[in-house]
């Protein structure tokens, strides 16, 4: 307890967070982790191979006085910036979309998923601001379809802007709640990337406010949200087809409650299994933590630490969906029959899904709705004008017999008679006076 309080005072953490780290690491490793979390990570950029090659990009940046090195053996597109006299986020190369500012740790989920060029339909469940989405499009060489989803539309503005800047043409952006996608898009996607929202305990160097603001209750709340998102992601996966039914779950946290707990929970709730992440580096995931015992296959997942790999704290798990069965529903025959009927109907329809045509259909539907609404507005205005005219009292019409009388003849006769009547008595009066 004294060690935890001393460490929390020295590094400025909440005491409960330091105690949590001490349950995961031994005291010396905890000290290394806290020190590494205070030091900044190296600046890393990812070459956009849709527009240029890493060799050409490095040459053009070297001419501007930037000192850089290749990131590592495991990455063919990463460059590590050690010093730069100019801002890296404002160079002509950046503005023309030749590279993307991206942390080295966020390369790992995309490399683990490894989508191939072709007709794949990939879902990025929490896409903003689009770093991993653009890397997926880069690996797919602008073929297939990527659905970039995020809950907040304000965050998606950055995603759309980055896609335009980087020259990505196979992305559809949308804003849905990830907890409802399992029913909305059931069995639709060949591959899914879920970089789940988390507590951020692995990126403290970028956001030091985590030290004071995050509590253990916040970490547990994030774990509940991640379980819901992961279950819905698995429901969205399509099992049929070659290399289908594969997804990657990742977080930028080192906590067990957001990583091993979530994956172990899903292994019990869905018919899935863990695959090797395909990454040569990183520490294996925990198979035991305090009194808890996890499935042995969790050793296939990968953990990354700032004090070991000089990267942000990260967790990557690669999951394969085997079928749509659910272990909890084995006793419910009715639910099984209903699911089987739904699956057969959906599989027949969904195998021929063309996302481009669906987007066109939605656009045409929205245009028709606008036209209908405009027509309805016009009709309502006409009705209102007719009603106002009906309320105003109408003037009586003049009969045709009165109008047919010639007015000129009548006026002349009346004038003559009136003049005679008026002048005659005046003349008589004058004669009498005389």
Foldseek 3Di string as FASTA:
>chain_A
DVLLVVVCVVLVFDSQVLVQVCLVDPSVVSVLQSVLLQDDFFWKKFFQVLVDAQVVVVVVQVVQVWDWDADDPVDRGMITTDDHPDDPCDDPCNQQQGIGGDFPQVVQQLVLLQDAADAFEEEEAAQFPPPSVSVNLSRNVLHHAYEYEHQDVVRPVNNVVSCVSNVRDRYHYDHDDLLPQLVVQFQFGQEYEYADDALQQQNCNVPVVSRYPDDVVRRLVSLVSLLSNVVSVQRNWHQDDPSGQKYKYKYLHDRCSNAQVSVQVVVQWAQKAWDQSPDPDAFFDDQDRVPDGGDPRSSSKGWDGCSPPVGGTMTMTMMGHDDGDTPVCPPPPVVVVVVVVVCVVCVVVNVPDDVVVVVVVVVVVVVVVVVVVVVVVVVVVVVVVVVVVVPDDDDDDDDPVVVPDDPPVVVVVVVVVVVVVVPVVVVVVVVVVD
